[in-house]
N, C-alpha and C. Protein backbone atom coordinates (compact mmCIF):
# COMPACT_ATOMS: atom_id res chain seq x y z
N MET A 1 43.11 -74.95 -44.03
CA MET A 1 41.67 -74.87 -43.90
C MET A 1 41.09 -74.26 -45.17
N LEU A 2 40.06 -74.86 -45.71
CA LEU A 2 39.42 -74.36 -46.91
C LEU A 2 38.51 -73.19 -46.59
N ALA A 3 38.37 -72.30 -47.59
CA ALA A 3 37.46 -71.17 -47.45
C ALA A 3 36.02 -71.67 -47.43
N PRO A 4 35.14 -70.94 -46.76
CA PRO A 4 33.73 -71.35 -46.77
C PRO A 4 33.12 -71.18 -48.16
N MET A 5 31.99 -71.84 -48.38
CA MET A 5 31.31 -71.75 -49.66
C MET A 5 30.96 -70.30 -49.97
N ILE A 6 31.10 -69.95 -51.23
CA ILE A 6 30.77 -68.62 -51.73
C ILE A 6 29.84 -68.79 -52.91
N MET A 7 28.82 -67.94 -52.99
CA MET A 7 27.95 -67.94 -54.15
C MET A 7 27.78 -66.49 -54.60
N LYS A 8 27.93 -66.28 -55.91
CA LYS A 8 27.74 -64.95 -56.48
C LYS A 8 26.82 -65.09 -57.68
N HIS A 9 26.04 -64.06 -57.93
CA HIS A 9 25.20 -64.04 -59.12
C HIS A 9 25.87 -63.15 -60.16
N TYR A 10 25.83 -63.59 -61.39
CA TYR A 10 26.42 -62.87 -62.53
C TYR A 10 26.05 -61.38 -62.51
N GLU A 11 24.78 -61.08 -62.28
CA GLU A 11 24.31 -59.69 -62.33
C GLU A 11 24.83 -58.83 -61.18
N HIS A 12 25.37 -59.45 -60.15
CA HIS A 12 25.88 -58.70 -59.00
C HIS A 12 27.40 -58.52 -59.03
N VAL A 13 28.05 -59.05 -60.04
CA VAL A 13 29.50 -58.88 -60.19
C VAL A 13 29.72 -57.85 -61.30
N PRO A 14 30.28 -56.70 -60.96
CA PRO A 14 30.45 -55.66 -62.00
C PRO A 14 31.47 -56.09 -63.05
N PRO A 15 31.20 -55.77 -64.30
CA PRO A 15 32.17 -56.12 -65.35
C PRO A 15 33.38 -55.22 -65.28
N SER A 16 34.49 -55.75 -65.72
CA SER A 16 35.70 -54.94 -65.85
C SER A 16 36.14 -55.01 -67.30
N ILE A 17 36.76 -53.97 -67.74
CA ILE A 17 37.31 -53.92 -69.09
C ILE A 17 38.82 -53.90 -68.91
N TYR A 18 39.49 -54.94 -69.39
CA TYR A 18 40.91 -55.05 -69.13
C TYR A 18 41.74 -54.29 -70.16
N ALA A 19 42.93 -53.88 -69.76
CA ALA A 19 43.82 -53.09 -70.61
C ALA A 19 44.13 -53.82 -71.91
N GLY A 20 44.05 -53.09 -73.01
CA GLY A 20 44.39 -53.65 -74.30
C GLY A 20 43.24 -54.33 -75.01
N ALA A 21 42.12 -54.51 -74.33
CA ALA A 21 40.97 -55.16 -74.97
C ALA A 21 40.21 -54.14 -75.80
N PRO A 22 39.76 -54.54 -76.96
CA PRO A 22 38.97 -53.62 -77.79
C PRO A 22 37.60 -53.38 -77.17
N GLU A 23 36.90 -52.39 -77.68
CA GLU A 23 35.54 -52.13 -77.20
C GLU A 23 34.66 -53.35 -77.45
N GLY A 24 33.69 -53.53 -76.59
CA GLY A 24 32.75 -54.62 -76.78
C GLY A 24 33.11 -55.89 -76.06
N ILE A 25 34.12 -55.84 -75.18
CA ILE A 25 34.52 -57.02 -74.41
C ILE A 25 34.41 -56.68 -72.93
N GLU A 26 33.65 -57.48 -72.21
CA GLU A 26 33.54 -57.32 -70.76
C GLU A 26 33.88 -58.64 -70.08
N MET A 27 34.51 -58.52 -68.91
CA MET A 27 34.88 -59.71 -68.15
C MET A 27 34.39 -59.55 -66.72
N ARG A 28 33.79 -60.59 -66.21
CA ARG A 28 33.40 -60.63 -64.81
C ARG A 28 34.21 -61.73 -64.13
N GLU A 29 34.97 -61.36 -63.12
CA GLU A 29 35.73 -62.35 -62.35
C GLU A 29 34.82 -62.87 -61.25
N MET A 30 34.25 -64.03 -61.49
CA MET A 30 33.24 -64.58 -60.60
C MET A 30 33.83 -65.18 -59.33
N ILE A 31 34.84 -66.02 -59.47
CA ILE A 31 35.51 -66.65 -58.33
C ILE A 31 37.01 -66.53 -58.56
N THR A 32 37.72 -65.97 -57.57
CA THR A 32 39.16 -65.72 -57.72
C THR A 32 39.90 -66.10 -56.43
N ALA A 33 41.20 -65.91 -56.45
CA ALA A 33 42.02 -66.14 -55.25
C ALA A 33 41.55 -65.25 -54.11
N GLN A 34 41.03 -64.07 -54.42
CA GLN A 34 40.52 -63.17 -53.37
C GLN A 34 39.32 -63.77 -52.64
N ASP A 35 38.66 -64.72 -53.28
CA ASP A 35 37.54 -65.42 -52.65
C ASP A 35 38.00 -66.66 -51.90
N GLY A 36 39.29 -66.95 -51.97
CA GLY A 36 39.85 -68.13 -51.32
C GLY A 36 40.04 -69.32 -52.23
N ALA A 37 39.82 -69.13 -53.55
CA ALA A 37 40.00 -70.23 -54.51
C ALA A 37 41.51 -70.43 -54.74
N PRO A 38 42.07 -71.54 -54.29
CA PRO A 38 43.52 -71.71 -54.36
C PRO A 38 44.06 -72.11 -55.74
N ASN A 39 43.22 -72.65 -56.61
CA ASN A 39 43.75 -73.21 -57.85
C ASN A 39 43.26 -72.57 -59.14
N PHE A 40 42.02 -72.12 -59.18
CA PHE A 40 41.44 -71.64 -60.44
C PHE A 40 40.72 -70.32 -60.27
N THR A 41 40.65 -69.59 -61.38
CA THR A 41 39.84 -68.38 -61.48
C THR A 41 38.75 -68.65 -62.49
N LEU A 42 37.51 -68.37 -62.11
CA LEU A 42 36.36 -68.55 -62.97
C LEU A 42 35.90 -67.18 -63.45
N ARG A 43 35.87 -67.00 -64.77
CA ARG A 43 35.50 -65.72 -65.35
C ARG A 43 34.38 -65.92 -66.36
N VAL A 44 33.57 -64.88 -66.52
CA VAL A 44 32.54 -64.88 -67.56
C VAL A 44 32.83 -63.69 -68.47
N PHE A 45 32.94 -63.98 -69.76
CA PHE A 45 33.18 -62.95 -70.77
C PHE A 45 31.91 -62.70 -71.56
N ASP A 46 31.68 -61.44 -71.88
CA ASP A 46 30.62 -61.03 -72.80
C ASP A 46 31.28 -60.33 -73.97
N ILE A 47 30.96 -60.81 -75.17
CA ILE A 47 31.49 -60.20 -76.40
C ILE A 47 30.30 -59.65 -77.16
N HIS A 48 30.31 -58.36 -77.41
CA HIS A 48 29.21 -57.73 -78.14
C HIS A 48 29.20 -58.20 -79.59
N PRO A 49 28.06 -58.12 -80.27
CA PRO A 49 27.98 -58.58 -81.66
C PRO A 49 29.07 -57.97 -82.54
N GLY A 50 29.80 -58.81 -83.26
CA GLY A 50 30.85 -58.38 -84.17
C GLY A 50 32.18 -58.07 -83.51
N ALA A 51 32.25 -58.07 -82.18
CA ALA A 51 33.50 -57.76 -81.48
C ALA A 51 34.36 -59.02 -81.33
N SER A 52 35.62 -58.82 -80.97
CA SER A 52 36.58 -59.91 -80.85
C SER A 52 37.51 -59.68 -79.67
N THR A 53 37.85 -60.76 -78.98
CA THR A 53 38.92 -60.65 -77.98
C THR A 53 40.23 -60.46 -78.74
N PRO A 54 41.26 -59.94 -78.09
CA PRO A 54 42.56 -59.79 -78.77
C PRO A 54 43.12 -61.16 -79.18
N PHE A 55 43.88 -61.19 -80.27
CA PHE A 55 44.59 -62.41 -80.67
C PHE A 55 45.81 -62.49 -79.77
N HIS A 56 45.85 -63.48 -78.89
CA HIS A 56 46.88 -63.53 -77.86
C HIS A 56 47.20 -64.98 -77.48
N SER A 57 48.23 -65.12 -76.66
CA SER A 57 48.56 -66.43 -76.10
C SER A 57 49.07 -66.21 -74.68
N HIS A 58 49.16 -67.29 -73.93
CA HIS A 58 49.68 -67.24 -72.57
C HIS A 58 50.18 -68.63 -72.21
N GLU A 59 50.88 -68.73 -71.09
CA GLU A 59 51.54 -69.99 -70.74
C GLU A 59 50.59 -71.04 -70.19
N TRP A 60 49.36 -70.69 -69.90
CA TRP A 60 48.42 -71.67 -69.35
C TRP A 60 47.38 -72.10 -70.39
N GLU A 61 46.77 -73.21 -70.12
CA GLU A 61 45.69 -73.72 -70.97
C GLU A 61 44.41 -72.95 -70.67
N HIS A 62 43.46 -73.07 -71.57
CA HIS A 62 42.11 -72.49 -71.41
C HIS A 62 41.09 -73.61 -71.54
N GLU A 63 40.10 -73.57 -70.69
CA GLU A 63 38.88 -74.34 -70.89
C GLU A 63 37.76 -73.32 -70.96
N VAL A 64 37.00 -73.36 -72.04
CA VAL A 64 35.95 -72.38 -72.29
C VAL A 64 34.65 -73.12 -72.57
N PHE A 65 33.55 -72.61 -71.99
CA PHE A 65 32.23 -73.15 -72.27
C PHE A 65 31.34 -72.02 -72.75
N ILE A 66 30.74 -72.18 -73.94
CA ILE A 66 29.91 -71.15 -74.54
C ILE A 66 28.50 -71.23 -73.93
N LEU A 67 28.13 -70.19 -73.21
CA LEU A 67 26.82 -70.13 -72.57
C LEU A 67 25.74 -69.65 -73.51
N ASP A 68 26.10 -68.73 -74.40
CA ASP A 68 25.10 -68.15 -75.29
C ASP A 68 25.78 -67.53 -76.50
N GLY A 69 25.06 -67.50 -77.61
CA GLY A 69 25.55 -66.86 -78.82
C GLY A 69 26.25 -67.81 -79.77
N ALA A 70 26.82 -67.21 -80.80
CA ALA A 70 27.53 -67.96 -81.84
C ALA A 70 28.66 -67.10 -82.37
N GLY A 71 29.71 -67.76 -82.84
CA GLY A 71 30.85 -67.03 -83.38
C GLY A 71 31.92 -67.98 -83.87
N THR A 72 33.14 -67.48 -83.82
CA THR A 72 34.29 -68.21 -84.33
C THR A 72 35.44 -68.11 -83.33
N VAL A 73 36.13 -69.23 -83.12
CA VAL A 73 37.39 -69.18 -82.38
C VAL A 73 38.49 -69.37 -83.40
N ARG A 74 39.48 -68.48 -83.36
CA ARG A 74 40.59 -68.51 -84.32
C ARG A 74 41.89 -68.82 -83.61
N THR A 75 42.69 -69.65 -84.24
CA THR A 75 44.06 -69.91 -83.81
C THR A 75 44.95 -69.70 -85.03
N GLU A 76 46.24 -69.85 -84.86
CA GLU A 76 47.12 -69.71 -86.02
C GLU A 76 46.84 -70.86 -86.99
N GLY A 77 46.31 -70.54 -88.14
CA GLY A 77 46.06 -71.55 -89.17
C GLY A 77 44.78 -72.34 -89.01
N ASN A 78 43.93 -71.98 -88.04
CA ASN A 78 42.70 -72.73 -87.85
C ASN A 78 41.58 -71.79 -87.42
N GLU A 79 40.38 -72.12 -87.84
CA GLU A 79 39.20 -71.33 -87.47
C GLU A 79 38.03 -72.29 -87.36
N MET A 80 37.31 -72.23 -86.23
CA MET A 80 36.16 -73.11 -86.02
C MET A 80 34.99 -72.30 -85.51
N SER A 81 33.82 -72.60 -86.05
CA SER A 81 32.60 -71.96 -85.58
C SER A 81 32.15 -72.61 -84.27
N PHE A 82 31.53 -71.81 -83.41
CA PHE A 82 30.95 -72.35 -82.19
C PHE A 82 29.55 -71.78 -81.99
N GLU A 83 28.79 -72.45 -81.15
CA GLU A 83 27.46 -71.98 -80.78
C GLU A 83 27.22 -72.36 -79.33
N LYS A 84 26.11 -71.89 -78.80
CA LYS A 84 25.72 -72.18 -77.42
C LYS A 84 25.86 -73.67 -77.13
N GLY A 85 26.49 -73.99 -76.01
CA GLY A 85 26.65 -75.38 -75.59
C GLY A 85 27.99 -75.98 -75.97
N ALA A 86 28.78 -75.30 -76.79
CA ALA A 86 30.09 -75.83 -77.20
C ALA A 86 31.12 -75.63 -76.09
N SER A 87 32.10 -76.52 -76.06
CA SER A 87 33.25 -76.34 -75.18
C SER A 87 34.50 -76.29 -76.05
N VAL A 88 35.48 -75.51 -75.59
CA VAL A 88 36.71 -75.29 -76.36
C VAL A 88 37.90 -75.50 -75.43
N PHE A 89 38.89 -76.25 -75.89
CA PHE A 89 40.17 -76.37 -75.18
C PHE A 89 41.23 -75.70 -76.02
N LEU A 90 42.03 -74.85 -75.38
CA LEU A 90 43.17 -74.21 -76.03
C LEU A 90 44.42 -74.55 -75.23
N ALA A 91 45.43 -75.05 -75.90
CA ALA A 91 46.67 -75.47 -75.25
C ALA A 91 47.50 -74.27 -74.82
N PRO A 92 48.40 -74.46 -73.85
CA PRO A 92 49.30 -73.37 -73.48
C PRO A 92 50.05 -72.85 -74.71
N HIS A 93 50.25 -71.56 -74.78
CA HIS A 93 50.99 -70.87 -75.85
C HIS A 93 50.27 -70.89 -77.20
N GLU A 94 49.05 -71.39 -77.27
CA GLU A 94 48.31 -71.40 -78.53
C GLU A 94 47.64 -70.03 -78.72
N LYS A 95 48.05 -69.31 -79.76
CA LYS A 95 47.45 -68.00 -80.03
C LYS A 95 46.00 -68.20 -80.43
N HIS A 96 45.12 -67.32 -79.91
CA HIS A 96 43.69 -67.50 -80.13
C HIS A 96 42.94 -66.20 -79.91
N CYS A 97 41.72 -66.18 -80.44
CA CYS A 97 40.76 -65.12 -80.15
C CYS A 97 39.37 -65.66 -80.39
N PHE A 98 38.40 -65.04 -79.74
CA PHE A 98 37.00 -65.39 -79.90
C PHE A 98 36.30 -64.22 -80.57
N VAL A 99 35.54 -64.50 -81.62
CA VAL A 99 34.84 -63.48 -82.39
C VAL A 99 33.34 -63.77 -82.35
N ALA A 100 32.55 -62.79 -81.96
CA ALA A 100 31.09 -62.94 -81.95
C ALA A 100 30.56 -62.67 -83.35
N ASP A 101 29.59 -63.47 -83.79
CA ASP A 101 28.91 -63.18 -85.05
C ASP A 101 28.30 -61.79 -84.98
N ARG A 102 28.11 -61.17 -86.13
CA ARG A 102 27.58 -59.80 -86.16
C ARG A 102 26.20 -59.65 -85.55
N GLY A 103 25.37 -60.65 -85.64
CA GLY A 103 23.99 -60.52 -85.19
C GLY A 103 23.73 -60.97 -83.77
N THR A 104 24.75 -61.43 -83.04
CA THR A 104 24.49 -62.02 -81.72
C THR A 104 25.64 -61.76 -80.75
N PRO A 105 25.30 -61.43 -79.50
CA PRO A 105 26.35 -61.37 -78.49
C PRO A 105 26.75 -62.78 -78.08
N VAL A 106 27.95 -62.91 -77.53
CA VAL A 106 28.45 -64.19 -77.04
C VAL A 106 28.76 -64.05 -75.55
N ARG A 107 28.42 -65.07 -74.80
CA ARG A 107 28.79 -65.13 -73.39
C ARG A 107 29.43 -66.48 -73.16
N PHE A 108 30.62 -66.48 -72.51
CA PHE A 108 31.28 -67.75 -72.21
C PHE A 108 31.95 -67.75 -70.86
N ILE A 109 32.10 -68.95 -70.31
CA ILE A 109 32.85 -69.17 -69.08
C ILE A 109 34.27 -69.53 -69.47
N CYS A 110 35.22 -68.97 -68.76
CA CYS A 110 36.64 -69.24 -68.99
C CYS A 110 37.28 -69.58 -67.65
N VAL A 111 38.02 -70.68 -67.60
CA VAL A 111 38.70 -71.10 -66.39
C VAL A 111 40.21 -71.06 -66.62
N ILE A 112 40.92 -70.40 -65.72
CA ILE A 112 42.38 -70.32 -65.80
C ILE A 112 42.97 -70.60 -64.41
N PRO A 113 44.26 -70.91 -64.34
CA PRO A 113 44.89 -71.05 -63.03
C PRO A 113 44.85 -69.72 -62.28
N SER A 114 44.53 -69.74 -61.00
CA SER A 114 44.37 -68.50 -60.26
C SER A 114 45.67 -67.74 -60.08
N SER A 115 46.80 -68.41 -60.16
CA SER A 115 48.06 -67.70 -60.03
C SER A 115 48.40 -66.92 -61.31
N ASN A 116 47.65 -67.15 -62.38
CA ASN A 116 47.90 -66.47 -63.66
C ASN A 116 46.66 -65.70 -64.10
N ARG A 117 46.41 -64.60 -63.46
CA ARG A 117 45.24 -63.79 -63.81
C ARG A 117 45.43 -63.22 -65.20
N CYS A 118 44.35 -62.90 -65.85
CA CYS A 118 44.37 -62.40 -67.22
C CYS A 118 45.19 -61.12 -67.32
N ARG A 119 46.22 -61.15 -68.15
CA ARG A 119 47.07 -59.98 -68.35
C ARG A 119 47.25 -59.79 -69.85
N MET A 120 46.26 -59.21 -70.50
CA MET A 120 46.34 -59.00 -71.94
C MET A 120 46.66 -57.55 -72.23
């Protein structure tokens, strides 16, 4: 039996700061296995101006959608600028980080498999 529909507002989900993340990074776990989502976890990240997520990799793929701001996504040997409205795919085991431009915060949606919660 599927879980009933759930709706949450971004402003009502408290941010968490995960272990090992530098200052200026907040994550809101919007929909998770605790909500009954069997396959995916939906998270919203906020990166303060000039801040960066850790350079890391994991066994699952990433699908990211940039809601607001501008910055750079870095991988080993590659760097691409992004802005509001961009989508990014990162393959499993691909080292990466997201960097907000100095003058603007970045907000993005990140989807991962729910059995593999963020462990950075």
